Amino acid sequence: MRAEVMKMETENKLVPFSRNPKNEMLFGSSAYMEALARMQLMVQHRYFGVLTGR
């Protein structure tokens, strides 16, 4: 029953911190774009890396 209520609540509302945020909710700052490019490079070349934040 609780899962059904949660599903109904989330169908019409934006849920913060969800696992699948909508693209329009993301802010593409220069730092974000650099981090994304570095992660794509690591995946492409099968590098090992650590992503940290300040």
PDB file of N, CA and C in Angstrom:
ATOM      1  N   MET A   1       0.828  -1.195   0.000  1.00  0.00           N
ATOM      2  CA  MET A   1       0.000   0.000   0.000  1.00  0.00           C
ATOM      3  C   MET A   1       0.870   1.255   0.000  1.00  0.00           C
ATOM      4  N   ARG A   2       1.902   1.293   0.837  1.00  0.00           N
ATOM      5  CA  ARG A   2       2.767   2.480   0.926  1.00  0.00           C
ATOM      6  C   ARG A   2       3.464   2.747  -0.409  1.00  0.00           C
ATOM      7  N   ALA A   3       3.890   1.701  -1.103  1.00  0.00           N
ATOM      8  CA  ALA A   3       4.555   1.870  -2.393  1.00  0.00           C
ATOM      9  C   ALA A   3       3.608   2.507  -3.397  1.00  0.00           C
ATOM     10  N   GLU A   4       2.344   2.137  -3.351  1.00  0.00           N
ATOM     11  CA  GLU A   4       1.356   2.727  -4.263  1.00  0.00           C
ATOM     12  C   GLU A   4       1.166   4.215  -3.976  1.00  0.00           C
ATOM     13  N   VAL A   5       1.149   4.584  -2.721  1.00  0.00           N
ATOM     14  CA  VAL A   5       1.001   5.989  -2.334  1.00  0.00           C
ATOM     15  C   VAL A   5       2.221   6.777  -2.785  1.00  0.00           C
ATOM     16  N   MET A   6       3.407   6.235  -2.583  1.00  0.00           N
ATOM     17  CA  MET A   6       4.629   6.916  -3.004  1.00  0.00           C
ATOM     18  C   MET A   6       4.666   7.092  -4.513  1.00  0.00           C
ATOM     19  N   LYS A   7       4.201   6.069  -5.238  1.00  0.00           N
ATOM     20  CA  LYS A   7       4.168   6.161  -6.698  1.00  0.00           C
ATOM     21  C   LYS A   7       3.221   7.271  -7.133  1.00  0.00           C
ATOM     22  N   MET A   8       2.069   7.368  -6.504  1.00  0.00           N
ATOM     23  CA  MET A   8       1.094   8.401  -6.845  1.00  0.00           C
ATOM     24  C   MET A   8       1.666   9.780  -6.519  1.00  0.00           C
ATOM     25  N   GLU A   9       2.390   9.903  -5.401  1.00  0.00           N
ATOM     26  CA  GLU A   9       2.957  11.188  -5.006  1.00  0.00           C
ATOM     27  C   GLU A   9       4.046  11.633  -5.964  1.00  0.00           C
ATOM     28  N   THR A  10       4.834  10.703  -6.470  1.00  0.00           N
ATOM     29  CA  THR A  10       5.964  11.062  -7.325  1.00  0.00           C
ATOM     30  C   THR A  10       5.582  11.229  -8.783  1.00  0.00           C
ATOM     31  N   GLU A  11       4.430  10.747  -9.200  1.00  0.00           N
ATOM     32  CA  GLU A  11       4.032  10.872 -10.600  1.00  0.00           C
ATOM     33  C   GLU A  11       3.812  12.329 -10.989  1.00  0.00           C
ATOM     34  N   ASN A  12       3.335  13.135 -10.081  1.00  0.00           N
ATOM     35  CA  ASN A  12       2.989  14.510 -10.393  1.00  0.00           C
ATOM     36  C   ASN A  12       3.961  15.540  -9.834  1.00  0.00           C
ATOM     37  N   LYS A  13       4.973  15.101  -9.109  1.00  0.00           N
ATOM     38  CA  LYS A  13       5.892  16.035  -8.466  1.00  0.00           C
ATOM     39  C   LYS A  13       7.328  15.706  -8.851  1.00  0.00           C
ATOM     40  N   LEU A  14       8.181  16.717  -8.798  1.00  0.00           N
ATOM     41  CA  LEU A  14       9.601  16.489  -8.978  1.00  0.00           C
ATOM     42  C   LEU A  14      10.181  16.075  -7.640  1.00  0.00           C
ATOM     43  N   VAL A  15      10.893  14.975  -7.631  1.00  0.00           N
ATOM     44  CA  VAL A  15      11.456  14.449  -6.400  1.00  0.00           C
ATOM     45  C   VAL A  15      12.928  14.838  -6.339  1.00  0.00           C
ATOM     46  N   PRO A  16      13.336  15.620  -5.332  1.00  0.00           N
ATOM     47  CA  PRO A  16      14.748  15.979  -5.233  1.00  0.00           C
ATOM     48  C   PRO A  16      15.597  14.772  -4.869  1.00  0.00           C
ATOM     49  N   PHE A  17      16.811  14.740  -5.388  1.00  0.00           N
ATOM     50  CA  PHE A  17      17.785  13.692  -5.078  1.00  0.00           C
ATOM     51  C   PHE A  17      17.334  12.312  -5.533  1.00  0.00           C
ATOM     52  N   SER A  18      16.592  12.262  -6.629  1.00  0.00           N
ATOM     53  CA  SER A  18      16.195  10.951  -7.145  1.00  0.00           C
ATOM     54  C   SER A  18      17.348  10.350  -7.935  1.00  0.00           C
ATOM     55  N   ARG A  19      17.272   9.073  -8.216  1.00  0.00           N
ATOM     56  CA  ARG A  19      18.336   8.393  -8.959  1.00  0.00           C
ATOM     57  C   ARG A  19      18.311   8.744 -10.440  1.00  0.00           C
ATOM     58  N   ASN A  20      17.201   9.197 -10.942  1.00  0.00           N
ATOM     59  CA  ASN A  20      17.064   9.523 -12.356  1.00  0.00           C
ATOM     60  C   ASN A  20      16.535  10.942 -12.523  1.00  0.00           C
ATOM     61  N   PRO A  21      17.369  11.954 -12.243  1.00  0.00           N
ATOM     62  CA  PRO A  21      16.878  13.329 -12.394  1.00  0.00           C
ATOM     63  C   PRO A  21      16.652  13.657 -13.864  1.00  0.00           C
ATOM     64  N   LYS A  22      15.729  14.535 -14.117  1.00  0.00           N
ATOM     65  CA  LYS A  22      15.460  14.951 -15.487  1.00  0.00           C
ATOM     66  C   LYS A  22      16.555  15.897 -15.945  1.00  0.00           C
ATOM     67  N   ASN A  23      16.854  15.869 -17.242  1.00  0.00           N
ATOM     68  CA  ASN A  23      17.935  16.694 -17.790  1.00  0.00           C
ATOM     69  C   ASN A  23      17.741  18.169 -17.499  1.00  0.00           C
ATOM     70  N   GLU A  24      16.525  18.649 -17.520  1.00  0.00           N
ATOM     71  CA  GLU A  24      16.290  20.072 -17.281  1.00  0.00           C
ATOM     72  C   GLU A  24      16.550  20.470 -15.828  1.00  0.00           C
ATOM     73  N   MET A  25      16.725  19.496 -14.939  1.00  0.00           N
ATOM     74  CA  MET A  25      17.023  19.790 -13.545  1.00  0.00           C
ATOM     75  C   MET A  25      18.530  19.929 -13.300  1.00  0.00           C
ATOM     76  N   LEU A  26      19.362  19.540 -14.270  1.00  0.00           N
ATOM     77  CA  LEU A  26      20.806  19.583 -14.098  1.00  0.00           C
ATOM     78  C   LEU A  26      21.356  20.935 -14.511  1.00  0.00           C
ATOM     79  N   PHE A  27      22.339  21.409 -13.775  1.00  0.00           N
ATOM     80  CA  PHE A  27      22.992  22.670 -14.091  1.00  0.00           C
ATOM     81  C   PHE A  27      24.372  22.360 -14.641  1.00  0.00           C
ATOM     82  N   GLY A  28      24.617  22.699 -15.893  1.00  0.00           N
ATOM     83  CA  GLY A  28      25.867  22.377 -16.551  1.00  0.00           C
ATOM     84  C   GLY A  28      26.925  23.447 -16.372  1.00  0.00           C
ATOM     85  N   SER A  29      27.490  23.562 -15.178  1.00  0.00           N
ATOM     86  CA  SER A  29      28.550  24.543 -14.935  1.00  0.00           C
ATOM     87  C   SER A  29      29.831  24.079 -15.619  1.00  0.00           C
ATOM     88  N   SER A  30      30.820  24.955 -15.681  1.00  0.00           N
ATOM     89  CA  SER A  30      32.090  24.583 -16.305  1.00  0.00           C
ATOM     90  C   SER A  30      32.775  23.470 -15.511  1.00  0.00           C
ATOM     91  N   ALA A  31      32.661  23.500 -14.198  1.00  0.00           N
ATOM     92  CA  ALA A  31      33.254  22.444 -13.370  1.00  0.00           C
ATOM     93  C   ALA A  31      32.561  21.108 -13.632  1.00  0.00           C
ATOM     94  N   TYR A  32      31.244  21.134 -13.786  1.00  0.00           N
ATOM     95  CA  TYR A  32      30.483  19.919 -14.098  1.00  0.00           C
ATOM     96  C   TYR A  32      30.917  19.366 -15.453  1.00  0.00           C
ATOM     97  N   MET A  33      31.034  20.248 -16.448  1.00  0.00           N
ATOM     98  CA  MET A  33      31.403  19.807 -17.796  1.00  0.00           C
ATOM     99  C   MET A  33      32.815  19.210 -17.797  1.00  0.00           C
ATOM    100  N   GLU A  34      33.742  19.792 -17.032  1.00  0.00           N
ATOM    101  CA  GLU A  34      35.096  19.245 -16.951  1.00  0.00           C
ATOM    102  C   GLU A  34      35.089  17.880 -16.275  1.00  0.00           C
ATOM    103  N   ALA A  35      34.361  17.751 -15.190  1.00  0.00           N
ATOM    104  CA  ALA A  35      34.283  16.466 -14.490  1.00  0.00           C
ATOM    105  C   ALA A  35      33.674  15.404 -15.395  1.00  0.00           C
ATOM    106  N   LEU A  36      32.641  15.752 -16.124  1.00  0.00           N
ATOM    107  CA  LEU A  36      31.998  14.811 -17.042  1.00  0.00           C
ATOM    108  C   LEU A  36      32.978  14.373 -18.130  1.00  0.00           C
ATOM    109  N   ALA A  37      33.721  15.319 -18.697  1.00  0.00           N
ATOM    110  CA  ALA A  37      34.699  14.987 -19.737  1.00  0.00           C
ATOM    111  C   ALA A  37      35.782  14.065 -19.197  1.00  0.00           C
ATOM    112  N   ARG A  38      36.240  14.330 -17.986  1.00  0.00           N
ATOM    113  CA  ARG A  38      37.279  13.480 -17.392  1.00  0.00           C
ATOM    114  C   ARG A  38      36.754  12.072 -17.121  1.00  0.00           C
ATOM    115  N   MET A  39      35.520  11.966 -16.651  1.00  0.00           N
ATOM    116  CA  MET A  39      34.940  10.638 -16.411  1.00  0.00           C
ATOM    117  C   MET A  39      34.747   9.883 -17.720  1.00  0.00           C
ATOM    118  N   GLN A  40      34.315  10.578 -18.773  1.00  0.00           N
ATOM    119  CA  GLN A  40      34.156   9.929 -20.073  1.00  0.00           C
ATOM    120  C   GLN A  40      35.502   9.433 -20.599  1.00  0.00           C
ATOM    121  N   LEU A  41      36.563  10.208 -20.402  1.00  0.00           N
ATOM    122  CA  LEU A  41      37.904   9.800 -20.808  1.00  0.00           C
ATOM    123  C   LEU A  41      38.339   8.549 -20.048  1.00  0.00           C
ATOM    124  N   MET A  42      38.080   8.532 -18.741  1.00  0.00           N
ATOM    125  CA  MET A  42      38.442   7.363 -17.933  1.00  0.00           C
ATOM    126  C   MET A  42      37.706   6.117 -18.409  1.00  0.00           C
ATOM    127  N   VAL A  43      36.439   6.256 -18.708  1.00  0.00           N
ATOM    128  CA  VAL A  43      35.660   5.108 -19.177  1.00  0.00           C
ATOM    129  C   VAL A  43      36.164   4.655 -20.543  1.00  0.00           C
ATOM    130  N   GLN A  44      36.384   5.597 -21.432  1.00  0.00           N
ATOM    131  CA  GLN A  44      36.812   5.284 -22.793  1.00  0.00           C
ATOM    132  C   GLN A  44      38.143   4.524 -22.806  1.00  0.00           C
ATOM    133  N   HIS A  45      39.086   4.938 -21.964  1.00  0.00           N
ATOM    134  CA  HIS A  45      40.412   4.326 -21.949  1.00  0.00           C
ATOM    135  C   HIS A  45      40.592   3.320 -20.820  1.00  0.00           C
ATOM    136  N   ARG A  46      39.514   3.046 -20.109  1.00  0.00           N
ATOM    137  CA  ARG A  46      39.526   2.093 -18.993  1.00  0.00           C
ATOM    138  C   ARG A  46      40.551   2.475 -17.929  1.00  0.00           C
ATOM    139  N   TYR A  47      40.624   3.776 -17.645  1.00  0.00           N
ATOM    140  CA  TYR A  47      41.496   4.279 -16.590  1.00  0.00           C
ATOM    141  C   TYR A  47      40.810   4.102 -15.249  1.00  0.00           C
ATOM    142  N   PHE A  48      41.614   4.128 -14.209  1.00  0.00           N
ATOM    143  CA  PHE A  48      41.089   4.117 -12.841  1.00  0.00           C
ATOM    144  C   PHE A  48      41.136   5.551 -12.333  1.00  0.00           C
ATOM    145  N   GLY A  49      40.066   6.005 -11.734  1.00  0.00           N
ATOM    146  CA  GLY A  49      40.059   7.375 -11.232  1.00  0.00           C
ATOM    147  C   GLY A  49      39.179   7.505 -10.011  1.00  0.00           C
ATOM    148  N   VAL A  50      39.359   8.606  -9.325  1.00  0.00           N
ATOM    149  CA  VAL A  50      38.561   8.934  -8.146  1.00  0.00           C
ATOM    150  C   VAL A  50      37.993  10.316  -8.338  1.00  0.00           C
ATOM    151  N   LEU A  51      36.704  10.449  -8.152  1.00  0.00           N
ATOM    152  CA  LEU A  51      36.038  11.748  -8.259  1.00  0.00           C
ATOM    153  C   LEU A  51      35.729  12.243  -6.851  1.00  0.00           C
ATOM    154  N   THR A  52      36.265  13.399  -6.514  1.00  0.00           N
ATOM    155  CA  THR A  52      36.028  13.979  -5.192  1.00  0.00           C
ATOM    156  C   THR A  52      35.448  15.363  -5.356  1.00  0.00           C
ATOM    157  N   GLY A  53      34.910  15.899  -4.335  1.00  0.00           N
ATOM    158  CA  GLY A  53      34.358  17.245  -4.370  1.00  0.00           C
ATOM    159  C   GLY A  53      34.934  18.089  -3.246  1.00  0.00           C
ATOM    160  N   ARG A  54      34.816  19.379  -3.411  1.00  0.00           N
ATOM    161  CA  ARG A  54      35.307  20.282  -2.366  1.00  0.00           C
ATOM    162  C   ARG A  54      34.156  20.904  -1.642  1.00  0.00           C
TER     163      ARG A  54
END
